[in-house]
Amino acid sequence: MLNAFKTLDAYPKTLDDFKDKWVPGACISMTSMLVITVIIIGEISMYSTVTQKHNLYVDDEVTGTIDVHLDITFPKVPCVVLNIDAVDSFGDTMLDVKRKSLKKIRLNQDG
């Protein structure tokens, strides 16, 4: 049974008569071991190093408007004095914004 299992060996041992120790072969073996060691150490150090990348950008391709809903009460300021100024992401300024959705409601006779 064991002999049958040995026949499945893909890398059989050669006879001692065919083995020669060769200096360039030893150099190639040592160089390859050194390269493999350096690659393994480099991969382990890269794997264990944490790299954080933070990206923040402004989407300047926005073409629509955004709805903003406010409910603010200024009890001591008259409605005539209040206005809304807006600046968009492109730097365009809109002074005294008056839209159909902007409603000023007087709280009392004083303002």
N, C-alpha and C. Protein backbone atom coordinates (compact mmCIF):
# COMPACT_ATOMS: atom_id res chain seq x y z
N MET A 1 0.82 -1.19 0.00
CA MET A 1 0.00 0.00 0.00
C MET A 1 0.87 1.26 0.00
N LEU A 2 1.92 1.25 0.83
CA LEU A 2 2.80 2.40 0.91
C LEU A 2 3.57 2.60 -0.39
N ASN A 3 3.97 1.53 -1.05
CA ASN A 3 4.68 1.65 -2.33
C ASN A 3 3.77 2.22 -3.42
N ALA A 4 2.52 1.86 -3.38
CA ALA A 4 1.58 2.41 -4.36
C ALA A 4 1.39 3.91 -4.13
N PHE A 5 1.39 4.31 -2.87
CA PHE A 5 1.26 5.74 -2.56
C PHE A 5 2.49 6.52 -3.00
N LYS A 6 3.67 5.92 -2.90
CA LYS A 6 4.91 6.58 -3.31
C LYS A 6 4.96 6.82 -4.81
N THR A 7 4.26 6.03 -5.58
CA THR A 7 4.28 6.22 -7.04
C THR A 7 3.55 7.51 -7.45
N LEU A 8 2.75 8.05 -6.56
CA LEU A 8 2.04 9.30 -6.86
C LEU A 8 2.89 10.54 -6.63
N ASP A 9 4.12 10.38 -6.15
CA ASP A 9 5.01 11.51 -5.88
C ASP A 9 5.36 12.22 -7.18
N ALA A 10 5.01 13.50 -7.27
CA ALA A 10 5.27 14.27 -8.49
C ALA A 10 6.74 14.69 -8.58
N TYR A 11 7.40 14.76 -7.47
CA TYR A 11 8.80 15.18 -7.46
C TYR A 11 9.66 14.09 -6.84
N PRO A 12 9.95 13.06 -7.58
CA PRO A 12 10.73 11.96 -7.01
C PRO A 12 12.19 12.39 -6.80
N LYS A 13 12.82 11.77 -5.84
CA LYS A 13 14.23 12.04 -5.54
C LYS A 13 15.11 11.42 -6.64
N THR A 14 16.16 12.16 -6.99
CA THR A 14 17.10 11.62 -7.97
C THR A 14 18.15 10.78 -7.25
N LEU A 15 18.83 10.01 -8.02
CA LEU A 15 19.89 9.18 -7.45
C LEU A 15 21.07 10.06 -7.04
N ASP A 16 21.83 9.61 -6.05
CA ASP A 16 22.98 10.36 -5.57
C ASP A 16 24.03 10.53 -6.65
N ASP A 17 24.10 9.64 -7.60
CA ASP A 17 25.08 9.73 -8.68
C ASP A 17 24.81 10.94 -9.58
N PHE A 18 23.57 11.39 -9.63
CA PHE A 18 23.23 12.51 -10.51
C PHE A 18 23.21 13.86 -9.79
N LYS A 19 23.52 13.89 -8.49
CA LYS A 19 23.52 15.13 -7.73
C LYS A 19 24.92 15.71 -7.71
N ASP A 20 25.05 16.97 -8.16
CA ASP A 20 26.32 17.68 -8.07
C ASP A 20 26.08 18.99 -7.33
N LYS A 21 26.94 19.30 -6.37
CA LYS A 21 26.88 20.58 -5.69
C LYS A 21 27.52 21.60 -6.61
N TRP A 22 26.84 22.71 -6.81
CA TRP A 22 27.29 23.68 -7.81
C TRP A 22 27.27 25.05 -7.15
N VAL A 23 28.38 25.81 -7.23
CA VAL A 23 28.50 27.11 -6.57
C VAL A 23 27.49 28.10 -7.15
N PRO A 24 27.35 28.23 -8.47
CA PRO A 24 26.31 29.15 -8.96
C PRO A 24 24.90 28.74 -8.51
N GLY A 25 24.65 27.45 -8.38
CA GLY A 25 23.35 27.00 -7.88
C GLY A 25 23.12 27.45 -6.44
N ALA A 26 24.19 27.41 -5.62
CA ALA A 26 24.08 27.87 -4.24
C ALA A 26 23.82 29.38 -4.21
N CYS A 27 24.49 30.12 -5.10
CA CYS A 27 24.27 31.59 -5.18
C CYS A 27 22.84 31.90 -5.60
N ILE A 28 22.33 31.16 -6.56
CA ILE A 28 20.94 31.37 -7.01
C ILE A 28 19.98 31.04 -5.87
N SER A 29 20.23 29.98 -5.15
CA SER A 29 19.37 29.59 -4.03
C SER A 29 19.37 30.65 -2.94
N MET A 30 20.56 31.14 -2.59
CA MET A 30 20.65 32.16 -1.53
C MET A 30 20.01 33.47 -1.96
N THR A 31 20.23 33.84 -3.23
CA THR A 31 19.62 35.08 -3.73
C THR A 31 18.11 34.98 -3.75
N SER A 32 17.61 33.85 -4.20
CA SER A 32 16.14 33.69 -4.24
C SER A 32 15.56 33.68 -2.83
N MET A 33 16.23 33.07 -1.87
CA MET A 33 15.75 33.09 -0.49
C MET A 33 15.75 34.51 0.07
N LEU A 34 16.78 35.28 -0.27
CA LEU A 34 16.85 36.67 0.20
C LEU A 34 15.73 37.50 -0.42
N VAL A 35 15.47 37.34 -1.71
CA VAL A 35 14.40 38.08 -2.38
C VAL A 35 13.03 37.70 -1.80
N ILE A 36 12.83 36.43 -1.58
CA ILE A 36 11.56 35.97 -1.00
C ILE A 36 11.37 36.54 0.40
N THR A 37 12.44 36.56 1.20
CA THR A 37 12.36 37.11 2.55
C THR A 37 12.03 38.59 2.53
N VAL A 38 12.70 39.35 1.64
CA VAL A 38 12.43 40.79 1.54
C VAL A 38 10.99 41.05 1.08
N ILE A 39 10.51 40.28 0.13
CA ILE A 39 9.14 40.46 -0.35
C ILE A 39 8.13 40.14 0.76
N ILE A 40 8.37 39.07 1.51
CA ILE A 40 7.45 38.71 2.59
C ILE A 40 7.44 39.78 3.68
N ILE A 41 8.60 40.27 4.06
CA ILE A 41 8.67 41.32 5.08
C ILE A 41 7.98 42.59 4.58
N GLY A 42 8.20 42.94 3.31
CA GLY A 42 7.55 44.11 2.75
C GLY A 42 6.04 43.98 2.70
N GLU A 43 5.54 42.81 2.32
CA GLU A 43 4.09 42.60 2.28
C GLU A 43 3.48 42.63 3.67
N ILE A 44 4.16 42.05 4.65
CA ILE A 44 3.64 42.08 6.02
C ILE A 44 3.61 43.51 6.54
N SER A 45 4.65 44.31 6.27
CA SER A 45 4.65 45.69 6.74
C SER A 45 3.60 46.53 6.04
N MET A 46 3.36 46.29 4.74
CA MET A 46 2.30 47.02 4.04
C MET A 46 0.92 46.60 4.55
N TYR A 47 0.75 45.34 4.86
CA TYR A 47 -0.53 44.85 5.35
C TYR A 47 -0.85 45.42 6.73
N SER A 48 0.17 45.56 7.56
CA SER A 48 -0.05 46.04 8.93
C SER A 48 -0.07 47.56 9.03
N THR A 49 0.26 48.29 7.97
CA THR A 49 0.24 49.74 7.99
C THR A 49 -1.15 50.23 7.59
N VAL A 50 -1.70 51.14 8.41
CA VAL A 50 -3.02 51.70 8.14
C VAL A 50 -2.85 53.02 7.40
N THR A 51 -3.53 53.15 6.27
CA THR A 51 -3.47 54.38 5.49
C THR A 51 -4.88 54.95 5.41
N GLN A 52 -5.01 56.21 5.81
CA GLN A 52 -6.30 56.88 5.73
C GLN A 52 -6.24 57.95 4.66
N LYS A 53 -7.25 57.97 3.81
CA LYS A 53 -7.34 58.99 2.78
C LYS A 53 -8.66 59.72 2.97
N HIS A 54 -8.58 61.03 3.07
CA HIS A 54 -9.76 61.84 3.23
C HIS A 54 -9.91 62.72 2.00
N ASN A 55 -11.05 62.67 1.38
CA ASN A 55 -11.32 63.49 0.20
C ASN A 55 -12.58 64.29 0.46
N LEU A 56 -12.51 65.57 0.14
CA LEU A 56 -13.66 66.44 0.26
C LEU A 56 -13.67 67.34 -0.95
N TYR A 57 -14.78 67.37 -1.64
CA TYR A 57 -14.87 68.22 -2.81
C TYR A 57 -16.27 68.79 -2.92
N VAL A 58 -16.36 69.91 -3.61
CA VAL A 58 -17.64 70.57 -3.82
C VAL A 58 -18.14 70.19 -5.20
N ASP A 59 -19.37 69.71 -5.27
CA ASP A 59 -19.98 69.36 -6.54
C ASP A 59 -20.44 70.64 -7.21
N ASP A 60 -19.68 71.10 -8.20
CA ASP A 60 -20.00 72.35 -8.87
C ASP A 60 -20.89 72.16 -10.08
N GLU A 61 -21.40 70.96 -10.28
CA GLU A 61 -22.26 70.70 -11.41
C GLU A 61 -23.75 70.71 -11.03
N VAL A 62 -24.04 71.22 -9.86
CA VAL A 62 -25.42 71.28 -9.41
C VAL A 62 -26.12 72.40 -10.17
N THR A 63 -27.22 72.08 -10.79
CA THR A 63 -27.93 73.08 -11.59
C THR A 63 -29.27 73.45 -10.97
N GLY A 64 -29.80 72.68 -10.08
CA GLY A 64 -31.11 72.94 -9.51
C GLY A 64 -31.01 73.81 -8.27
N THR A 65 -32.16 74.05 -7.68
CA THR A 65 -32.21 74.80 -6.44
C THR A 65 -32.58 73.86 -5.31
N ILE A 66 -32.34 74.31 -4.13
CA ILE A 66 -32.66 73.50 -2.96
C ILE A 66 -33.68 74.27 -2.13
N ASP A 67 -34.66 73.55 -1.62
CA ASP A 67 -35.68 74.16 -0.79
C ASP A 67 -35.18 74.26 0.64
N VAL A 68 -35.32 75.44 1.22
CA VAL A 68 -34.93 75.67 2.61
C VAL A 68 -36.16 76.15 3.35
N HIS A 69 -36.51 75.47 4.42
CA HIS A 69 -37.68 75.83 5.21
C HIS A 69 -37.21 76.39 6.55
N LEU A 70 -37.63 77.61 6.86
CA LEU A 70 -37.26 78.27 8.10
C LEU A 70 -38.51 78.65 8.86
N ASP A 71 -38.44 78.57 10.16
CA ASP A 71 -39.51 79.07 11.03
C ASP A 71 -38.82 79.83 12.15
N ILE A 72 -38.65 81.12 11.96
CA ILE A 72 -37.91 81.95 12.90
C ILE A 72 -38.84 83.04 13.41
N THR A 73 -38.77 83.29 14.70
CA THR A 73 -39.58 84.35 15.30
C THR A 73 -38.66 85.41 15.87
N PHE A 74 -38.89 86.67 15.45
CA PHE A 74 -38.19 87.82 16.00
C PHE A 74 -39.25 88.72 16.64
N PRO A 75 -39.51 88.57 17.92
CA PRO A 75 -40.62 89.28 18.53
C PRO A 75 -40.43 90.80 18.63
N LYS A 76 -39.23 91.30 18.62
CA LYS A 76 -39.00 92.73 18.81
C LYS A 76 -38.59 93.44 17.52
N VAL A 77 -38.65 92.77 16.36
CA VAL A 77 -38.21 93.37 15.09
C VAL A 77 -39.42 93.50 14.18
N PRO A 78 -39.64 94.68 13.59
CA PRO A 78 -40.76 94.84 12.66
C PRO A 78 -40.52 94.05 11.38
N CYS A 79 -41.57 93.58 10.73
CA CYS A 79 -41.47 92.78 9.51
C CYS A 79 -40.81 93.55 8.37
N VAL A 80 -40.98 94.86 8.35
CA VAL A 80 -40.43 95.67 7.27
C VAL A 80 -38.90 95.62 7.27
N VAL A 81 -38.30 95.46 8.41
CA VAL A 81 -36.84 95.47 8.55
C VAL A 81 -36.23 94.13 8.13
N LEU A 82 -36.98 93.07 8.26
CA LEU A 82 -36.44 91.73 7.99
C LEU A 82 -36.37 91.43 6.50
N ASN A 83 -35.28 90.84 6.08
CA ASN A 83 -35.14 90.34 4.71
C ASN A 83 -34.18 89.16 4.72
N ILE A 84 -34.09 88.45 3.61
CA ILE A 84 -33.21 87.29 3.49
C ILE A 84 -32.24 87.54 2.34
N ASP A 85 -30.94 87.37 2.62
CA ASP A 85 -29.89 87.42 1.61
C ASP A 85 -29.30 86.01 1.51
N ALA A 86 -29.01 85.58 0.29
CA ALA A 86 -28.49 84.22 0.10
C ALA A 86 -27.27 84.25 -0.80
N VAL A 87 -26.34 83.34 -0.55
CA VAL A 87 -25.15 83.17 -1.37
C VAL A 87 -25.07 81.70 -1.74
N ASP A 88 -24.97 81.39 -3.04
CA ASP A 88 -24.90 79.99 -3.45
C ASP A 88 -23.45 79.53 -3.54
N SER A 89 -23.25 78.26 -3.92
CA SER A 89 -21.92 77.68 -3.93
C SER A 89 -21.01 78.29 -5.00
N PHE A 90 -21.58 78.96 -5.98
CA PHE A 90 -20.78 79.60 -7.02
C PHE A 90 -20.36 81.01 -6.62
N GLY A 91 -20.85 81.49 -5.48
CA GLY A 91 -20.52 82.82 -5.03
C GLY A 91 -21.52 83.88 -5.49
N ASP A 92 -22.59 83.46 -6.14
CA ASP A 92 -23.62 84.40 -6.57
C ASP A 92 -24.43 84.84 -5.36
N THR A 93 -24.59 86.15 -5.22
CA THR A 93 -25.32 86.71 -4.09
C THR A 93 -26.71 87.13 -4.52
N MET A 94 -27.70 86.75 -3.75
CA MET A 94 -29.08 87.17 -4.00
C MET A 94 -29.53 87.99 -2.80
N LEU A 95 -29.69 89.29 -3.01
CA LEU A 95 -30.06 90.18 -1.93
C LEU A 95 -31.58 90.30 -1.86
N ASP A 96 -32.09 90.38 -0.65
CA ASP A 96 -33.51 90.56 -0.37
C ASP A 96 -34.36 89.56 -1.16
N VAL A 97 -34.13 88.29 -0.90
CA VAL A 97 -34.83 87.23 -1.60
C VAL A 97 -36.31 87.27 -1.26
N LYS A 98 -37.12 87.41 -2.29
CA LYS A 98 -38.57 87.41 -2.09
C LYS A 98 -39.15 86.36 -3.02
N ARG A 99 -39.58 85.30 -2.47
CA ARG A 99 -40.19 84.22 -3.25
C ARG A 99 -41.62 84.07 -2.77
N LYS A 100 -42.40 83.35 -3.52
CA LYS A 100 -43.79 83.14 -3.12
C LYS A 100 -43.89 82.33 -1.84
N SER A 101 -42.84 81.57 -1.49
CA SER A 101 -42.89 80.76 -0.28
C SER A 101 -42.44 81.54 0.95
N LEU A 102 -41.92 82.77 0.78
CA LEU A 102 -41.46 83.57 1.92
C LEU A 102 -42.66 84.34 2.48
N LYS A 103 -43.02 84.06 3.72
CA LYS A 103 -44.16 84.71 4.35
C LYS A 103 -43.70 85.36 5.64
N LYS A 104 -44.06 86.62 5.81
CA LYS A 104 -43.81 87.34 7.05
C LYS A 104 -45.15 87.53 7.74
N ILE A 105 -45.23 87.08 8.96
CA ILE A 105 -46.48 87.18 9.72
C ILE A 105 -46.23 88.07 10.93
N ARG A 106 -47.03 89.11 11.03
CA ARG A 106 -46.92 90.06 12.13
C ARG A 106 -47.47 89.43 13.41
N LEU A 107 -46.71 89.51 14.49
CA LEU A 107 -47.13 88.93 15.76
C LEU A 107 -48.11 89.82 16.53
N ASN A 108 -47.87 91.14 16.45
CA ASN A 108 -48.74 92.08 17.15
C ASN A 108 -48.69 93.44 16.43
N GLN A 109 -49.28 94.46 17.02
CA GLN A 109 -49.35 95.78 16.40
C GLN A 109 -47.96 96.44 16.31
N ASP A 110 -47.04 96.11 17.22
CA ASP A 110 -45.73 96.74 17.25
C ASP A 110 -44.78 96.15 16.20
N GLY A 111 -45.05 95.02 15.72
CA GLY A 111 -44.13 94.46 14.73
C GLY A 111 -44.34 93.04 14.51
